Amino acid sequence: MALTATFYVFSKRENSTKVPPVGTTNTQFSVDLKEGTNVTEPTFLILPSAGITVYSFNYVHVSSFNRYYFIREWRWMNGIWEIDCICDLLATYKTAIGNSTEYVLRSASNYNGSVIDTLYPIINSVSTGTKTITAGAININVNSGYYVVGVISPSASISGAVAYYAFTYTEFNQFKQMLLSSASWTNVQASEISEDMLKTIFNPFQYIVSCRWFPSIPAGYITSVAQVKFGWWDFTCSASIFTSTLAINNDTFTVAYSDIPKHPKASTRGNYLNKRPFTEYYLIMAPYGIIEIPDNIVGSSGGLTFVNTTDFFTGDCTLSIFLTSNLAPVITANGKIGVDIQIAQVSSNPLAGINAIGQGIGAVAGNILTGNAGGAIMNAITGIASAVEQSAPTVQTGGGTGAFSDICKFGGSCYLSAKFYDVADEDVSQLGRPLCQAKQISTLSGYIKVADADIAVVATLEEQRQIKAYMENGFFYE
């Protein structure tokens, strides 16, 4: 059977749809089909041609069969060249492949950066990124905060039988001196009970139900007064009183998506690198400690909104984190922003007088904060003891114990911190990137890998199986 075959010297991949472009140098020969051969893996016979090295050709097109072939081998037999070929299925059925719509897993020309690419391993290299959140920082200078003291009082601005007064550092020292330097404010005559005996049997701190230090108090919650109503007595001293039966403040601040630290390679390889296992996000904020932020939240296109709620009567605080785009709640953490200052008890020993049971909070605060031994009440040897000095650090905390160590975490600063794990270099041209979309193949180019290829093509059953295997294992549409 005589056929006309067009021979080429043509370079291409086996798993490619590439065909010789129009104008490619070629040579046509008349060939015979060897007896007993087939169309998909034929053997052609050709006589030698003067001046032409026929065995230099590696590719052939037979229009009668409408197929392209790779040449497997040239073999010389009895003065005739035998050419063993195998059909280039991807080139032969390129049009049908291009017209098909398939679910594309990977593509070199189009990709979805939100799909996690697990093809490349994480390598042993870690970098970090930090966004300072100024609005989330707190004051850690004990000399400039407020001491909120709850006292039994007939004051009109009270919660139950308790009035809450706020003292600056200086005002609190003055108040403490008035309480402890002399018992004359009780108006008990020395002829009735001596002052030394009065100090022994009378404990002024029984009228104090709570004492807490706060880093700050926003304007609008307290009003300045010149007199503190303390039990049955009135003290003439400077202070401020809370004007409401509730003293709960909501402090709101945001972090825009553009300000959230991103993985160094996310801009070129995809947003998936801003998610685990490639990226971890943490909010570092006193007194809550270190709070892990879900990567699927930070890795989205919206920013974060933080609402920090403080109760100035109890010292409790709650941090709620929301998506700025829709205020969907993400995380809620509880903490203690008010540092509890314990109140001393009075010994019944009249010779010993008042017995201190704790170290002055000022010395503790001074050592922790500034190294200065002069604390808020360091001279109150008969009075106020220190709170718990530290809490055990953890990777992620749900709030502190109300100690100065919690307030002083991270120097009072607030950060959104990120840890980035590097990933091995990619080869897009040879392996593509995740796409995971249904696409018409002809709209793409280069490397393509599909899932469960379903292509209608006029070909033998075995050819259809092979085409399906090529497409599912990865091929090049060229």
Protein backbone atom coordinates (compact mmCIF):
# COMPACT_ATOMS: atom_id res chain seq x y z
CA MET A 1 0.00 0.00 0.00
CA ALA A 2 1.67 3.21 -1.21
CA LEU A 3 1.30 6.36 0.89
CA THR A 4 2.70 9.87 0.88
CA ALA A 5 4.49 10.69 4.12
CA THR A 6 5.97 14.04 5.21
CA PHE A 7 9.18 13.68 7.21
CA TYR A 8 10.57 16.23 9.73
CA VAL A 9 13.52 16.87 11.97
CA PHE A 10 11.37 18.13 14.85
CA SER A 11 12.02 18.62 18.54
CA LYS A 12 9.15 18.14 20.98
CA ARG A 13 8.16 16.48 24.25
CA GLU A 14 6.41 13.13 24.20
CA ASN A 15 3.54 14.50 26.36
CA SER A 16 2.93 17.58 24.21
CA THR A 17 0.29 18.57 21.65
CA LYS A 18 2.87 20.50 19.64
CA VAL A 19 2.85 19.93 15.87
CA PRO A 20 5.35 21.17 13.27
CA PRO A 21 4.48 24.80 12.50
CA VAL A 22 3.55 25.82 8.98
CA GLY A 23 6.77 26.45 7.06
CA THR A 24 8.83 23.90 8.95
CA THR A 25 11.41 22.25 6.67
CA ASN A 26 10.20 18.85 5.56
CA THR A 27 10.70 16.16 2.91
CA GLN A 28 7.99 14.05 1.34
CA PHE A 29 8.52 10.42 0.38
CA SER A 30 6.36 7.72 -1.05
CA VAL A 31 6.26 4.89 1.47
CA ASP A 32 4.71 1.45 1.61
CA LEU A 33 2.94 -0.01 4.59
CA LYS A 34 4.60 -3.20 5.77
CA GLU A 35 2.41 -6.28 5.66
CA GLY A 36 0.79 -7.12 8.98
CA THR A 37 1.34 -3.70 10.57
CA ASN A 38 -1.34 -1.41 12.10
CA VAL A 39 -2.32 2.25 12.04
CA THR A 40 -1.32 3.22 15.59
CA GLU A 41 2.12 1.56 15.49
CA PRO A 42 2.91 1.16 11.78
CA THR A 43 6.09 0.14 10.02
CA PHE A 44 6.75 1.99 6.77
CA LEU A 45 9.04 0.90 3.95
CA ILE A 46 11.11 3.38 1.96
CA LEU A 47 13.77 3.02 -0.71
CA PRO A 48 17.03 4.86 -0.21
CA SER A 49 17.17 8.28 -1.88
CA ALA A 50 20.35 9.62 -3.41
CA GLY A 51 21.86 12.49 -1.41
CA ILE A 52 19.40 12.23 1.46
CA THR A 53 20.23 10.74 4.83
CA VAL A 54 16.75 9.49 5.52
CA TYR A 55 17.50 8.14 8.98
CA SER A 56 18.12 11.71 10.26
CA PHE A 57 14.33 12.29 10.36
CA ASN A 58 12.57 11.68 13.68
CA TYR A 59 8.95 12.70 13.00
CA VAL A 60 6.43 11.99 10.26
CA HIS A 61 2.92 12.96 9.24
CA VAL A 62 0.74 10.68 7.11
CA SER A 63 -2.25 12.63 5.80
CA SER A 64 -4.02 9.47 4.60
CA PHE A 65 -4.20 8.31 8.21
CA ASN A 66 -4.62 11.86 9.57
CA ARG A 67 -2.00 11.06 12.18
CA TYR A 68 1.37 12.31 13.42
CA TYR A 69 3.99 9.74 14.37
CA PHE A 70 7.16 9.58 16.40
CA ILE A 71 9.83 7.50 14.61
CA ARG A 72 11.02 4.80 16.97
CA GLU A 73 13.69 3.21 14.81
CA TRP A 74 15.23 3.10 11.33
CA ARG A 75 16.17 -0.40 10.27
CA TRP A 76 17.99 -1.47 7.04
CA MET A 77 16.66 -4.72 5.61
CA ASN A 78 17.59 -6.13 2.19
CA GLY A 79 18.20 -2.74 0.60
CA ILE A 80 15.08 -1.14 2.06
CA TRP A 81 14.65 1.16 5.07
CA GLU A 82 12.05 -0.06 7.56
CA ILE A 83 10.66 2.76 9.78
CA ASP A 84 9.03 1.71 13.05
CA CYS A 85 6.60 4.43 14.25
CA ILE A 86 4.14 5.10 17.05
CA CYS A 87 1.24 7.53 16.86
CA ASP A 88 1.70 10.90 18.58
CA LEU A 89 -1.78 10.93 20.10
CA LEU A 90 -1.62 14.40 21.67
CA ALA A 91 -0.60 16.04 18.40
CA THR A 92 -3.02 13.99 16.32
CA TYR A 93 -6.01 14.85 18.51
CA LYS A 94 -4.89 18.34 19.53
CA THR A 95 -8.05 20.04 18.24
CA ALA A 96 -10.36 17.69 20.16
CA ILE A 97 -8.26 18.08 23.30
CA GLY A 98 -8.30 21.87 23.00
CA ASN A 99 -12.07 21.95 22.54
CA SER A 100 -12.72 19.81 25.61
CA THR A 101 -13.60 21.33 28.99
CA GLU A 102 -11.87 19.60 31.88
CA TYR A 103 -11.39 20.11 35.61
CA VAL A 104 -7.85 21.44 35.66
CA LEU A 105 -5.83 20.63 38.76
CA ARG A 106 -2.60 22.37 37.77
CA SER A 107 -1.75 24.84 35.04
CA ALA A 108 1.30 26.85 34.04
CA SER A 109 -0.67 29.72 32.52
CA ASN A 110 -3.44 30.19 35.08
CA TYR A 111 -3.68 29.47 38.78
CA ASN A 112 -5.67 30.09 41.96
CA GLY A 113 -3.40 31.50 44.65
CA SER A 114 -5.82 30.53 47.42
CA VAL A 115 -5.41 26.80 46.78
CA ILE A 116 -2.68 25.34 48.97
CA ASP A 117 0.15 23.88 46.90
CA THR A 118 1.65 20.90 48.73
CA LEU A 119 3.89 19.84 45.87
CA TYR A 120 6.91 21.68 47.22
CA PRO A 121 8.32 20.90 50.69
CA ILE A 122 8.96 23.39 53.47
CA ILE A 123 12.67 23.99 53.90
CA ASN A 124 14.66 24.72 57.03
CA SER A 125 14.37 28.50 56.91
CA VAL A 126 12.14 30.73 59.05
CA SER A 127 11.56 34.47 58.90
CA THR A 128 9.29 36.77 60.86
CA GLY A 129 7.17 39.86 60.36
CA THR A 130 5.74 42.28 62.90
CA LYS A 131 3.10 44.99 62.86
CA THR A 132 3.17 47.31 65.86
CA ILE A 133 -0.35 48.16 67.04
CA THR A 134 0.05 51.46 68.85
CA ALA A 135 -3.61 51.60 69.87
CA GLY A 136 -3.23 48.30 71.75
CA ALA A 137 -0.27 49.39 73.87
CA ILE A 138 -0.71 50.04 77.60
CA ASN A 139 1.08 52.16 80.18
CA ILE A 140 3.45 50.20 82.41
CA ASN A 141 4.68 53.09 84.57
CA VAL A 142 3.17 52.57 88.00
CA ASN A 143 3.73 56.24 88.80
CA SER A 144 1.36 57.42 86.09
CA GLY A 145 -1.50 54.96 86.38
CA TYR A 146 -4.55 55.03 88.64
CA TYR A 147 -5.34 53.27 91.89
CA VAL A 148 -9.04 52.42 92.01
CA VAL A 149 -10.17 51.92 95.59
CA GLY A 150 -13.60 50.61 96.50
CA VAL A 151 -14.68 51.89 99.91
CA ILE A 152 -17.76 51.49 102.06
CA SER A 153 -19.29 54.89 101.65
CA PRO A 154 -22.54 56.86 101.87
CA SER A 155 -21.56 58.62 98.66
CA ALA A 156 -24.34 59.09 96.14
CA SER A 157 -22.21 57.78 93.26
CA ILE A 158 -22.00 54.22 94.42
CA SER A 159 -22.46 50.63 93.35
CA GLY A 160 -24.42 49.14 96.23
CA ALA A 161 -22.73 50.32 99.40
CA VAL A 162 -19.41 50.79 97.67
CA ALA A 163 -18.05 53.95 96.10
CA TYR A 164 -15.10 53.70 93.74
CA TYR A 165 -12.43 56.38 93.87
CA ALA A 166 -9.54 56.76 91.45
CA PHE A 167 -6.23 58.09 92.78
CA THR A 168 -3.14 59.14 90.94
CA TYR A 169 0.19 57.98 92.31
CA THR A 170 0.60 61.18 94.35
CA GLU A 171 -3.00 61.23 95.51
CA PHE A 172 -2.83 57.61 96.61
CA ASN A 173 0.28 58.29 98.71
CA GLN A 174 -1.49 61.20 100.38
CA PHE A 175 -4.56 59.06 101.07
CA LYS A 176 -2.39 56.31 102.53
CA GLN A 177 -0.55 58.79 104.75
CA MET A 178 -3.85 60.16 106.09
CA LEU A 179 -4.99 56.64 106.95
CA LEU A 180 -1.81 55.40 108.56
CA SER A 181 0.13 58.35 109.99
CA SER A 182 -2.40 59.19 112.67
CA ALA A 183 -5.70 58.00 114.05
CA SER A 184 -6.93 61.51 114.79
CA TRP A 185 -9.30 61.39 111.82
CA THR A 186 -11.45 58.89 113.76
CA ASN A 187 -12.38 61.69 116.20
CA VAL A 188 -11.90 59.28 119.12
CA GLN A 189 -10.69 61.21 122.14
CA ALA A 190 -7.42 60.13 123.71
CA SER A 191 -9.17 60.26 127.08
CA GLU A 192 -11.40 57.45 125.92
CA ILE A 193 -8.92 55.22 124.09
CA SER A 194 -5.23 55.88 123.64
CA GLU A 195 -4.06 56.26 120.01
CA ASP A 196 -1.74 53.26 120.31
CA MET A 197 -4.58 51.09 121.54
CA LEU A 198 -6.91 52.46 118.87
CA LYS A 199 -4.41 51.54 116.16
CA THR A 200 -4.34 48.02 117.57
CA ILE A 201 -8.04 47.35 117.73
CA PHE A 202 -9.25 49.40 114.76
CA ASN A 203 -8.44 48.41 111.19
CA PRO A 204 -9.27 51.19 108.70
CA PHE A 205 -8.86 48.73 105.84
CA GLN A 206 -12.08 47.00 106.83
CA TYR A 207 -13.79 49.83 104.96
CA ILE A 208 -11.81 49.10 101.81
CA VAL A 209 -13.32 46.29 99.75
CA SER A 210 -10.89 46.42 96.83
CA CYS A 211 -7.76 48.17 95.65
CA ARG A 212 -6.46 47.82 92.12
CA TRP A 213 -3.95 49.62 89.94
CA PHE A 214 -4.91 50.39 86.33
CA PRO A 215 -2.58 51.61 83.57
CA SER A 216 -5.06 54.33 82.58
CA ILE A 217 -8.67 55.48 82.79
CA PRO A 218 -10.25 57.18 79.77
CA ALA A 219 -11.83 60.60 80.15
CA GLY A 220 -15.53 60.68 81.00
CA TYR A 221 -15.61 57.96 83.63
CA ILE A 222 -14.39 59.90 86.66
CA THR A 223 -14.96 63.33 88.17
CA SER A 224 -12.50 65.16 90.43
CA VAL A 225 -13.50 65.57 94.08
CA ALA A 226 -11.85 67.23 97.07
CA GLN A 227 -13.30 64.89 99.66
CA VAL A 228 -13.39 61.12 100.06
CA LYS A 229 -16.29 59.70 101.99
CA PHE A 230 -14.79 56.82 103.96
CA GLY A 231 -17.21 54.87 106.13
CA TRP A 232 -18.55 57.34 108.68
CA TRP A 233 -15.78 59.82 107.97
CA ASP A 234 -14.89 62.39 105.35
CA PHE A 235 -11.29 62.79 104.20
CA THR A 236 -10.21 66.06 102.70
CA CYS A 237 -7.92 64.88 99.92
CA SER A 238 -7.72 64.99 96.16
CA ALA A 239 -9.24 62.09 94.23
CA SER A 240 -11.69 61.28 91.46
CA ILE A 241 -14.93 59.37 91.78
CA PHE A 242 -16.64 57.15 89.25
CA THR A 243 -19.92 58.76 88.32
CA SER A 244 -21.77 55.65 87.18
CA THR A 245 -22.75 52.36 88.73
CA LEU A 246 -21.03 50.72 85.75
CA ALA A 247 -17.54 51.55 84.59
CA ILE A 248 -17.02 49.43 81.50
CA ASN A 249 -14.95 50.84 78.65
CA ASN A 250 -14.80 49.48 75.09
CA ASP A 251 -11.64 50.46 73.29
CA THR A 252 -11.79 49.64 69.56
CA PHE A 253 -8.92 49.60 67.09
CA THR A 254 -8.31 47.99 63.71
CA VAL A 255 -5.50 46.57 61.61
CA ALA A 256 -5.98 46.92 57.85
CA TYR A 257 -5.31 43.90 55.66
CA SER A 258 -2.49 45.78 53.96
CA ASP A 259 -0.76 46.18 57.35
CA ILE A 260 -0.91 42.48 58.25
CA PRO A 261 2.53 40.88 57.72
CA LYS A 262 2.56 38.59 54.66
CA HIS A 263 4.70 35.64 53.68
CA PRO A 264 7.66 36.89 51.61
CA LYS A 265 6.73 34.65 48.67
CA ALA A 266 2.94 35.07 48.83
CA SER A 267 2.86 37.94 46.33
CA THR A 268 4.39 35.78 43.59
CA ARG A 269 3.24 32.28 44.49
CA GLY A 270 -0.17 32.74 46.06
CA ASN A 271 -2.09 33.78 49.14
CA TYR A 272 -2.05 30.18 50.40
CA LEU A 273 1.43 30.87 51.78
CA ASN A 274 -0.23 33.17 54.33
CA LYS A 275 -1.88 30.10 55.84
CA ARG A 276 -0.68 27.10 57.79
CA PRO A 277 1.63 25.28 57.56
CA PHE A 278 3.58 28.08 55.89
CA THR A 279 2.57 30.96 58.19
CA GLU A 280 1.54 31.33 61.82
CA TYR A 281 0.02 34.52 63.25
CA TYR A 282 0.06 35.68 66.87
CA LEU A 283 -1.30 38.69 68.70
CA ILE A 284 1.11 39.73 71.44
CA MET A 285 -0.71 41.97 73.89
CA ALA A 286 -0.67 42.56 77.62
CA PRO A 287 -2.27 41.37 79.79
CA TYR A 288 -3.54 38.57 77.54
CA GLY A 289 -0.16 37.20 76.57
CA ILE A 290 0.30 35.47 73.22
CA ILE A 291 -2.87 34.64 71.30
CA GLU A 292 -2.72 32.60 68.10
CA ILE A 293 -4.86 34.07 65.32
CA PRO A 294 -6.43 31.53 62.91
CA ASP A 295 -4.56 31.64 59.62
CA ASN A 296 -7.72 31.25 57.58
CA ILE A 297 -8.92 34.55 59.06
CA VAL A 298 -5.74 36.55 58.63
CA GLY A 299 -5.14 35.04 55.20
CA SER A 300 -8.43 36.41 53.90
CA SER A 301 -8.74 39.78 52.16
CA GLY A 302 -10.18 41.67 55.13
CA GLY A 303 -8.58 43.36 58.11
CA LEU A 304 -9.12 42.74 61.81
CA THR A 305 -11.04 44.73 64.41
CA PHE A 306 -10.15 44.50 68.09
CA VAL A 307 -12.50 45.44 70.93
CA ASN A 308 -10.79 45.62 74.33
CA THR A 309 -13.37 45.78 77.14
CA THR A 310 -12.28 46.85 80.63
CA ASP A 311 -14.30 46.76 83.87
CA PHE A 312 -12.74 49.31 86.24
CA PHE A 313 -14.60 47.91 89.24
CA THR A 314 -13.54 44.28 88.93
CA GLY A 315 -10.28 44.72 87.00
CA ASP A 316 -11.39 42.15 84.43
CA CYS A 317 -10.88 42.69 80.71
CA THR A 318 -11.97 40.89 77.56
CA LEU A 319 -10.44 41.11 74.11
CA SER A 320 -12.72 40.28 71.18
CA ILE A 321 -11.31 39.98 67.67
CA PHE A 322 -13.58 40.36 64.64
CA LEU A 323 -13.31 40.36 60.87
CA THR A 324 -13.53 44.00 59.89
CA SER A 325 -15.51 43.17 56.74
CA ASN A 326 -18.53 41.67 58.52
CA LEU A 327 -17.69 41.84 62.24
CA ALA A 328 -17.87 38.06 62.45
CA PRO A 329 -16.32 37.02 65.80
CA VAL A 330 -13.00 35.23 65.60
CA ILE A 331 -11.51 34.96 69.08
CA THR A 332 -12.40 36.07 72.59
CA ALA A 333 -9.73 36.17 75.31
CA ASN A 334 -10.13 37.05 78.98
CA GLY A 335 -7.57 38.75 81.15
CA LYS A 336 -6.96 40.87 84.22
CA ILE A 337 -5.93 44.46 83.57
CA GLY A 338 -6.40 45.67 87.16
CA VAL A 339 -3.51 44.66 89.42
CA ASP A 340 -4.98 43.47 92.71
CA ILE A 341 -3.37 45.08 95.73
CA GLN A 342 -4.08 43.05 98.83
CA ILE A 343 -5.20 44.73 102.01
CA ALA A 344 -3.33 43.89 105.25
CA GLN A 345 -4.93 42.60 108.44
CA VAL A 346 -4.23 43.95 111.94
CA SER A 347 -2.61 41.85 114.62
CA SER A 348 -4.27 41.62 118.07
CA ASN A 349 -0.92 42.03 119.83
CA PRO A 350 -0.94 45.52 121.38
CA LEU A 351 2.83 45.52 121.82
CA ALA A 352 3.58 44.68 118.21
CA GLY A 353 1.21 47.25 116.76
CA ILE A 354 0.33 46.69 113.15
CA ASN A 355 2.03 43.71 111.55
CA ALA A 356 2.83 43.84 107.82
CA ILE A 357 2.03 40.65 105.98
CA GLY A 358 3.39 41.43 102.54
CA GLN A 359 6.06 43.27 100.69
CA GLY A 360 5.15 46.81 99.60
CA ILE A 361 3.78 46.80 96.08
CA GLY A 362 5.94 49.76 95.18
CA ALA A 363 9.15 47.81 95.63
CA VAL A 364 7.79 45.00 93.51
CA ALA A 365 6.60 47.37 90.82
CA GLY A 366 9.83 49.31 90.96
CA ASN A 367 11.92 46.20 90.45
CA ILE A 368 9.73 44.91 87.66
CA LEU A 369 9.16 48.16 85.86
CA THR A 370 12.00 50.58 86.35
CA GLY A 371 14.44 49.24 88.89
CA ASN A 372 13.43 52.12 91.17
CA ALA A 373 12.82 51.12 94.78
CA GLY A 374 10.40 54.02 95.19
CA GLY A 375 7.03 52.45 94.44
CA ALA A 376 3.50 53.66 94.90
CA ILE A 377 3.21 52.59 98.53
CA MET A 378 6.65 51.27 99.44
CA ASN A 379 6.57 53.11 102.76
CA ALA A 380 3.37 51.44 103.88
CA ILE A 381 5.06 48.87 106.10
CA THR A 382 1.81 48.39 107.96
CA GLY A 383 -0.39 48.28 104.93
CA ILE A 384 -0.55 46.91 101.38
CA ALA A 385 1.05 43.67 100.20
CA SER A 386 2.23 42.71 96.75
CA ALA A 387 0.09 40.77 94.29
CA VAL A 388 1.28 37.63 92.51
CA GLU A 389 4.54 38.59 90.85
CA GLN A 390 4.47 36.46 87.73
CA SER A 391 2.52 33.97 85.72
CA ALA A 392 3.91 31.02 83.83
CA PRO A 393 4.55 31.91 80.19
CA THR A 394 2.80 29.81 77.56
CA VAL A 395 2.71 29.75 73.80
CA GLN A 396 -0.90 30.86 73.92
CA THR A 397 -2.56 32.30 77.00
CA GLY A 398 -6.12 33.03 77.92
CA GLY A 399 -5.36 35.95 80.20
CA GLY A 400 -3.13 36.71 83.15
CA THR A 401 -3.47 36.52 86.90
CA GLY A 402 -3.68 40.24 87.51
CA ALA A 403 -0.02 40.64 88.41
CA PHE A 404 2.31 43.43 87.37
CA SER A 405 4.22 40.80 85.40
CA ASP A 406 1.16 40.42 83.15
CA ILE A 407 0.89 44.16 82.64
CA CYS A 408 4.60 44.47 81.91
CA LYS A 409 4.64 41.72 79.30
CA PHE A 410 6.33 42.83 76.11
CA GLY A 411 7.05 46.27 77.59
CA GLY A 412 3.38 47.19 77.34
CA SER A 413 3.57 47.10 73.56
CA CYS A 414 1.12 45.36 71.26
CA TYR A 415 2.15 43.47 68.15
CA LEU A 416 0.69 41.33 65.41
CA SER A 417 3.52 38.92 64.79
CA ALA A 418 3.96 36.36 62.04
CA LYS A 419 6.30 33.42 61.59
CA PHE A 420 6.98 32.43 57.98
CA TYR A 421 8.28 29.01 56.94
CA ASP A 422 10.12 29.08 53.63
CA VAL A 423 9.17 26.70 50.84
CA ALA A 424 11.32 25.14 48.14
CA ASP A 425 11.63 26.89 44.78
CA GLU A 426 8.93 26.07 42.27
CA ASP A 427 9.07 25.16 38.58
CA VAL A 428 5.90 26.62 37.08
CA SER A 429 6.75 25.85 33.46
CA GLN A 430 7.25 22.14 34.15
CA LEU A 431 4.81 21.51 37.01
CA GLY A 432 2.33 24.38 36.93
CA ARG A 433 0.40 25.75 39.89
CA PRO A 434 -2.94 24.73 41.42
CA LEU A 435 -5.99 25.98 39.52
CA CYS A 436 -8.83 23.62 40.51
CA GLN A 437 -11.36 25.00 38.04
CA ALA A 438 -13.22 23.67 35.02
CA LYS A 439 -11.58 25.22 31.94
CA GLN A 440 -11.60 24.76 28.18
CA ILE A 441 -8.14 23.44 27.46
CA SER A 442 -7.56 25.79 24.51
CA THR A 443 -7.82 28.81 26.88
CA LEU A 444 -4.70 27.59 28.65
CA SER A 445 -1.16 26.96 27.55
CA GLY A 446 1.91 25.09 28.69
CA TYR A 447 1.74 22.46 31.39
CA ILE A 448 -1.75 21.19 32.31
CA LYS A 449 -2.90 18.41 34.59
CA VAL A 450 -6.58 17.46 34.75
CA ALA A 451 -8.74 15.28 37.00
CA ASP A 452 -10.70 12.39 35.47
CA ALA A 453 -10.35 13.50 31.86
CA ASP A 454 -13.58 13.10 29.92
CA ILE A 455 -12.93 13.75 26.24
CA ALA A 456 -15.00 12.76 23.23
CA VAL A 457 -12.67 11.87 20.37
CA VAL A 458 -12.91 9.71 17.22
CA ALA A 459 -10.15 7.27 18.11
CA THR A 460 -9.67 3.64 18.98
CA LEU A 461 -10.47 2.53 22.51
CA GLU A 462 -6.81 2.10 23.33
CA GLU A 463 -6.01 5.56 21.96
CA GLN A 464 -8.76 7.08 24.11
CA ARG A 465 -7.32 5.39 27.19
CA GLN A 466 -3.85 6.68 26.40
CA ILE A 467 -5.07 10.24 25.79
CA LYS A 468 -6.92 10.16 29.12
CA ALA A 469 -3.76 8.93 30.88
CA TYR A 470 -1.63 11.68 29.33
CA MET A 471 -4.07 14.40 30.41
CA GLU A 472 -4.40 13.07 33.96
CA ASN A 473 -0.66 12.61 34.43
CA GLY A 474 0.17 16.05 33.07
CA PHE A 475 0.79 17.23 29.49
CA PHE A 476 1.79 20.35 27.56
CA TYR A 477 -0.73 22.16 25.43
CA GLU A 478 1.42 23.90 22.81
